């Protein structure tokens, strides 16, 4: 009888150790999640800062037509945005004007959709208000491998 008690106690200890090891090993790695979240935050901040700098340097005022938005020079704006970011970052720009959205080439498209094909794309929004009707500029950015 005494031996059976010790045997069950030993089995319980082994079971608890196996259960704890399974629980601990099944947790996601917090380091990977933290690094990814930090990278997304950095991309968002870099994108917003780039858009803000372009506005403050007069690039948007120069190339966005104040009266007829579709006459804006989208190619020049796109070039300045890409030059303002490191070459390791991919981008896609979208413009919204009174619930009408335009792609980075000026073509009409659906608003707010991430059509980059990259699930890790981060959205930075900037409102350019130096025209009669403000324009929301959305910059989707992601790390290139």
C-alpha atoms as a PDB file:
ATOM      1  CA  UNK A   1       0.000   0.000   0.000  1.00  0.00           C
ATOM      2  CA  UNK A   2       2.784   2.410   0.817  1.00  0.00           C
ATOM      3  CA  UNK A   3       4.459   1.739  -2.515  1.00  0.00           C
ATOM      4  CA  UNK A   4       1.291   2.511  -4.488  1.00  0.00           C
ATOM      5  CA  UNK A   5       0.989   5.922  -2.820  1.00  0.00           C
ATOM      6  CA  UNK A   6       4.553   6.820  -3.767  1.00  0.00           C
ATOM      7  CA  UNK A   7       4.010   5.536  -7.303  1.00  0.00           C
ATOM      8  CA  UNK A   8       0.879   7.684  -7.805  1.00  0.00           C
ATOM      9  CA  UNK A   9       2.665  10.679  -6.308  1.00  0.00           C
ATOM     10  CA  UNK A  10       5.523  10.186  -8.794  1.00  0.00           C
ATOM     11  CA  UNK A  11       3.045   9.871 -11.703  1.00  0.00           C
ATOM     12  CA  UNK A  12       1.292  13.084 -10.594  1.00  0.00           C
ATOM     13  CA  UNK A  13       4.606  14.967 -10.536  1.00  0.00           C
ATOM     14  CA  UNK A  14       5.503  13.723 -14.042  1.00  0.00           C
ATOM     15  CA  UNK A  15       2.016  14.652 -15.306  1.00  0.00           C
ATOM     16  CA  UNK A  16       2.301  18.189 -13.851  1.00  0.00           C
ATOM     17  CA  UNK A  17       5.767  18.672 -15.385  1.00  0.00           C
ATOM     18  CA  UNK A  18       4.533  17.531 -18.805  1.00  0.00           C
ATOM     19  CA  UNK A  19       1.448  19.747 -18.533  1.00  0.00           C
ATOM     20  CA  UNK A  20       3.517  22.806 -17.532  1.00  0.00           C
ATOM     21  CA  UNK A  21       6.029  22.197 -20.330  1.00  0.00           C
ATOM     22  CA  UNK A  22       3.189  21.941 -22.864  1.00  0.00           C
ATOM     23  CA  UNK A  23       1.594  25.171 -21.645  1.00  0.00           C
ATOM     24  CA  UNK A  24       4.879  27.098 -21.619  1.00  0.00           C
ATOM     25  CA  UNK A  25       5.940  25.875 -25.064  1.00  0.00           C
ATOM     26  CA  UNK A  26       2.556  26.698 -26.600  1.00  0.00           C
ATOM     27  CA  UNK A  27       2.786  30.431 -25.753  1.00  0.00           C
ATOM     28  CA  UNK A  28       3.644  32.641 -28.730  1.00  0.00           C
ATOM     29  CA  UNK A  29       7.046  34.253 -28.651  1.00  0.00           C
ATOM     30  CA  UNK A  30       6.547  37.726 -27.258  1.00  0.00           C
ATOM     31  CA  UNK A  31       9.811  38.953 -28.734  1.00  0.00           C
ATOM     32  CA  UNK A  32       8.662  38.386 -32.319  1.00  0.00           C
ATOM     33  CA  UNK A  33       5.334  40.108 -31.677  1.00  0.00           C
ATOM     34  CA  UNK A  34       7.032  43.069 -30.023  1.00  0.00           C
ATOM     35  CA  UNK A  35       9.563  43.476 -32.843  1.00  0.00           C
ATOM     36  CA  UNK A  36       6.810  43.364 -35.465  1.00  0.00           C
ATOM     37  CA  UNK A  37       4.652  45.871 -33.569  1.00  0.00           C
ATOM     38  CA  UNK A  38       7.634  48.205 -33.156  1.00  0.00           C
ATOM     39  CA  UNK A  39       8.438  47.945 -36.863  1.00  0.00           C
ATOM     40  CA  UNK A  40       4.833  48.783 -37.791  1.00  0.00           C
ATOM     41  CA  UNK A  41       4.877  51.802 -35.456  1.00  0.00           C
ATOM     42  CA  UNK A  42       8.155  52.998 -36.961  1.00  0.00           C
ATOM     43  CA  UNK A  43       6.802  52.668 -40.511  1.00  0.00           C
ATOM     44  CA  UNK A  44       3.704  54.652 -39.579  1.00  0.00           C
ATOM     45  CA  UNK A  45       5.798  57.412 -37.969  1.00  0.00           C
ATOM     46  CA  UNK A  46       8.233  57.553 -40.899  1.00  0.00           C
ATOM     47  CA  UNK A  47       5.347  57.749 -43.377  1.00  0.00           C
ATOM     48  CA  UNK A  48       3.571  60.533 -41.493  1.00  0.00           C
ATOM     49  CA  UNK A  49       6.804  62.493 -41.033  1.00  0.00           C
ATOM     50  CA  UNK A  50       7.576  62.217 -44.746  1.00  0.00           C
ATOM     51  CA  UNK A  51       4.115  63.508 -45.705  1.00  0.00           C
ATOM     52  CA  UNK A  52       4.340  66.335 -43.174  1.00  0.00           C
ATOM     53  CA  UNK A  53       7.797  67.353 -44.443  1.00  0.00           C
ATOM     54  CA  UNK A  54       6.536  67.424 -48.029  1.00  0.00           C
ATOM     55  CA  UNK A  55       3.679  69.681 -46.970  1.00  0.00           C
ATOM     56  CA  UNK A  56       5.921  72.007 -44.978  1.00  0.00           C
ATOM     57  CA  UNK A  57       8.446  72.249 -47.824  1.00  0.00           C
ATOM     58  CA  UNK A  58       5.692  73.303 -50.253  1.00  0.00           C
ATOM     59  CA  UNK A  59       5.725  70.196 -52.472  1.00  0.00           C
ATOM     60  CA  UNK A  60       2.002  69.518 -52.007  1.00  0.00           C
ATOM     61  CA  UNK A  61       1.129  73.189 -52.575  1.00  0.00           C
ATOM     62  CA  UNK A  62       3.158  73.174 -55.761  1.00  0.00           C
ATOM     63  CA  UNK A  63       1.847  69.936 -57.293  1.00  0.00           C
ATOM     64  CA  UNK A  64      -1.730  69.597 -55.986  1.00  0.00           C
ATOM     65  CA  UNK A  65      -4.053  71.737 -58.082  1.00  0.00           C
ATOM     66  CA  UNK A  66      -6.096  73.942 -55.721  1.00  0.00           C
ATOM     67  CA  UNK A  67      -9.240  73.927 -57.859  1.00  0.00           C
ATOM     68  CA  UNK A  68      -9.257  70.832 -60.063  1.00  0.00           C
ATOM     69  CA  UNK A  69      -7.763  67.938 -58.132  1.00  0.00           C
ATOM     70  CA  UNK A  70      -7.520  65.635 -61.131  1.00  0.00           C
ATOM     71  CA  UNK A  71      -5.153  68.133 -62.802  1.00  0.00           C
ATOM     72  CA  UNK A  72      -2.597  67.614 -60.022  1.00  0.00           C
ATOM     73  CA  UNK A  73       0.868  66.281 -60.843  1.00  0.00           C
ATOM     74  CA  UNK A  74       0.602  62.851 -59.196  1.00  0.00           C
ATOM     75  CA  UNK A  75       3.842  61.590 -60.746  1.00  0.00           C
ATOM     76  CA  UNK A  76       5.885  64.358 -59.130  1.00  0.00           C
ATOM     77  CA  UNK A  77       4.246  63.811 -55.723  1.00  0.00           C
ATOM     78  CA  UNK A  78       4.870  60.064 -55.947  1.00  0.00           C
ATOM     79  CA  UNK A  79       8.514  60.696 -56.861  1.00  0.00           C
ATOM     80  CA  UNK A  80       9.022  63.052 -53.912  1.00  0.00           C
ATOM     81  CA  UNK A  81       7.415  60.562 -51.493  1.00  0.00           C
ATOM     82  CA  UNK A  82       9.633  57.722 -52.703  1.00  0.00           C
ATOM     83  CA  UNK A  83      12.731  59.940 -52.494  1.00  0.00           C
ATOM     84  CA  UNK A  84      11.824  60.909 -48.928  1.00  0.00           C
ATOM     85  CA  UNK A  85      11.781  57.292 -47.767  1.00  0.00           C
ATOM     86  CA  UNK A  86      14.556  54.703 -47.561  1.00  0.00           C
ATOM     87  CA  UNK A  87      14.829  52.314 -50.510  1.00  0.00           C
ATOM     88  CA  UNK A  88      13.905  49.423 -48.175  1.00  0.00           C
ATOM     89  CA  UNK A  89      10.328  50.694 -47.865  1.00  0.00           C
ATOM     90  CA  UNK A  90       7.637  50.047 -50.464  1.00  0.00           C
ATOM     91  CA  UNK A  91       4.787  52.552 -50.777  1.00  0.00           C
ATOM     92  CA  UNK A  92       1.391  53.152 -52.314  1.00  0.00           C
ATOM     93  CA  UNK A  93      -0.382  56.504 -52.097  1.00  0.00           C
ATOM     94  CA  UNK A  94      -4.120  57.126 -52.067  1.00  0.00           C
ATOM     95  CA  UNK A  95      -5.894  60.494 -52.065  1.00  0.00           C
ATOM     96  CA  UNK A  96      -9.383  61.182 -50.713  1.00  0.00           C
ATOM     97  CA  UNK A  97     -11.330  64.272 -51.646  1.00  0.00           C
ATOM     98  CA  UNK A  98     -14.952  64.559 -50.455  1.00  0.00           C
ATOM     99  CA  UNK A  99     -15.406  60.750 -50.278  1.00  0.00           C
ATOM    100  CA  UNK A 100     -13.921  60.279 -53.768  1.00  0.00           C
ATOM    101  CA  UNK A 101     -10.647  58.377 -53.805  1.00  0.00           C
ATOM    102  CA  UNK A 102      -7.815  58.484 -56.298  1.00  0.00           C
ATOM    103  CA  UNK A 103      -4.819  56.212 -56.740  1.00  0.00           C
ATOM    104  CA  UNK A 104      -1.236  57.410 -56.861  1.00  0.00           C
ATOM    105  CA  UNK A 105      -1.632  57.856 -60.613  1.00  0.00           C
ATOM    106  CA  UNK A 106      -4.812  59.949 -60.234  1.00  0.00           C
ATOM    107  CA  UNK A 107      -7.257  57.225 -61.308  1.00  0.00           C
ATOM    108  CA  UNK A 108     -10.495  56.796 -59.358  1.00  0.00           C
ATOM    109  CA  UNK A 109     -10.541  53.855 -56.893  1.00  0.00           C
ATOM    110  CA  UNK A 110     -12.261  52.552 -53.739  1.00  0.00           C
ATOM    111  CA  UNK A 111     -11.496  54.439 -50.539  1.00  0.00           C
ATOM    112  CA  UNK A 112      -9.284  53.091 -47.776  1.00  0.00           C
ATOM    113  CA  UNK A 113      -8.580  49.676 -49.230  1.00  0.00           C
ATOM    114  CA  UNK A 114      -5.159  48.132 -48.820  1.00  0.00           C
ATOM    115  CA  UNK A 115      -4.622  47.077 -52.426  1.00  0.00           C
ATOM    116  CA  UNK A 116      -0.870  46.741 -52.000  1.00  0.00           C
ATOM    117  CA  UNK A 117      -1.032  42.960 -51.868  1.00  0.00           C
ATOM    118  CA  UNK A 118       1.000  43.133 -48.662  1.00  0.00           C
ATOM    119  CA  UNK A 119      -0.730  42.247 -45.399  1.00  0.00           C
ATOM    120  CA  UNK A 120       1.992  43.962 -43.364  1.00  0.00           C
ATOM    121  CA  UNK A 121       1.340  47.360 -44.943  1.00  0.00           C
ATOM    122  CA  UNK A 122       0.994  50.195 -42.450  1.00  0.00           C
ATOM    123  CA  UNK A 123      -1.294  53.160 -43.037  1.00  0.00           C
ATOM    124  CA  UNK A 124      -0.167  56.749 -42.414  1.00  0.00           C
ATOM    125  CA  UNK A 125      -2.739  59.492 -43.017  1.00  0.00           C
ATOM    126  CA  UNK A 126      -2.079  63.173 -43.511  1.00  0.00           C
ATOM    127  CA  UNK A 127      -4.614  65.926 -44.254  1.00  0.00           C
ATOM    128  CA  UNK A 128      -3.407  68.564 -46.688  1.00  0.00           C
ATOM    129  CA  UNK A 129      -5.599  71.564 -45.931  1.00  0.00           C
ATOM    130  CA  UNK A 130      -3.971  74.365 -47.944  1.00  0.00           C
ATOM    131  CA  UNK A 131      -6.637  74.285 -50.622  1.00  0.00           C
ATOM    132  CA  UNK A 132     -10.378  75.120 -50.673  1.00  0.00           C
ATOM    133  CA  UNK A 133     -11.296  71.483 -49.962  1.00  0.00           C
ATOM    134  CA  UNK A 134      -8.856  69.456 -47.792  1.00  0.00           C
ATOM    135  CA  UNK A 135      -7.295  66.304 -49.235  1.00  0.00           C
ATOM    136  CA  UNK A 136      -6.589  63.242 -47.100  1.00  0.00           C
ATOM    137  CA  UNK A 137      -3.383  61.582 -48.237  1.00  0.00           C
ATOM    138  CA  UNK A 138      -3.028  57.934 -47.272  1.00  0.00           C
ATOM    139  CA  UNK A 139       0.392  56.352 -47.474  1.00  0.00           C
ATOM    140  CA  UNK A 140       0.536  52.564 -47.306  1.00  0.00           C
ATOM    141  CA  UNK A 141       4.093  51.482 -46.504  1.00  0.00           C
ATOM    142  CA  UNK A 142       5.810  48.155 -45.894  1.00  0.00           C
ATOM    143  CA  UNK A 143       9.294  46.734 -45.570  1.00  0.00           C
ATOM    144  CA  UNK A 144      10.801  45.269 -48.698  1.00  0.00           C
ATOM    145  CA  UNK A 145      12.682  42.026 -48.219  1.00  0.00           C
END
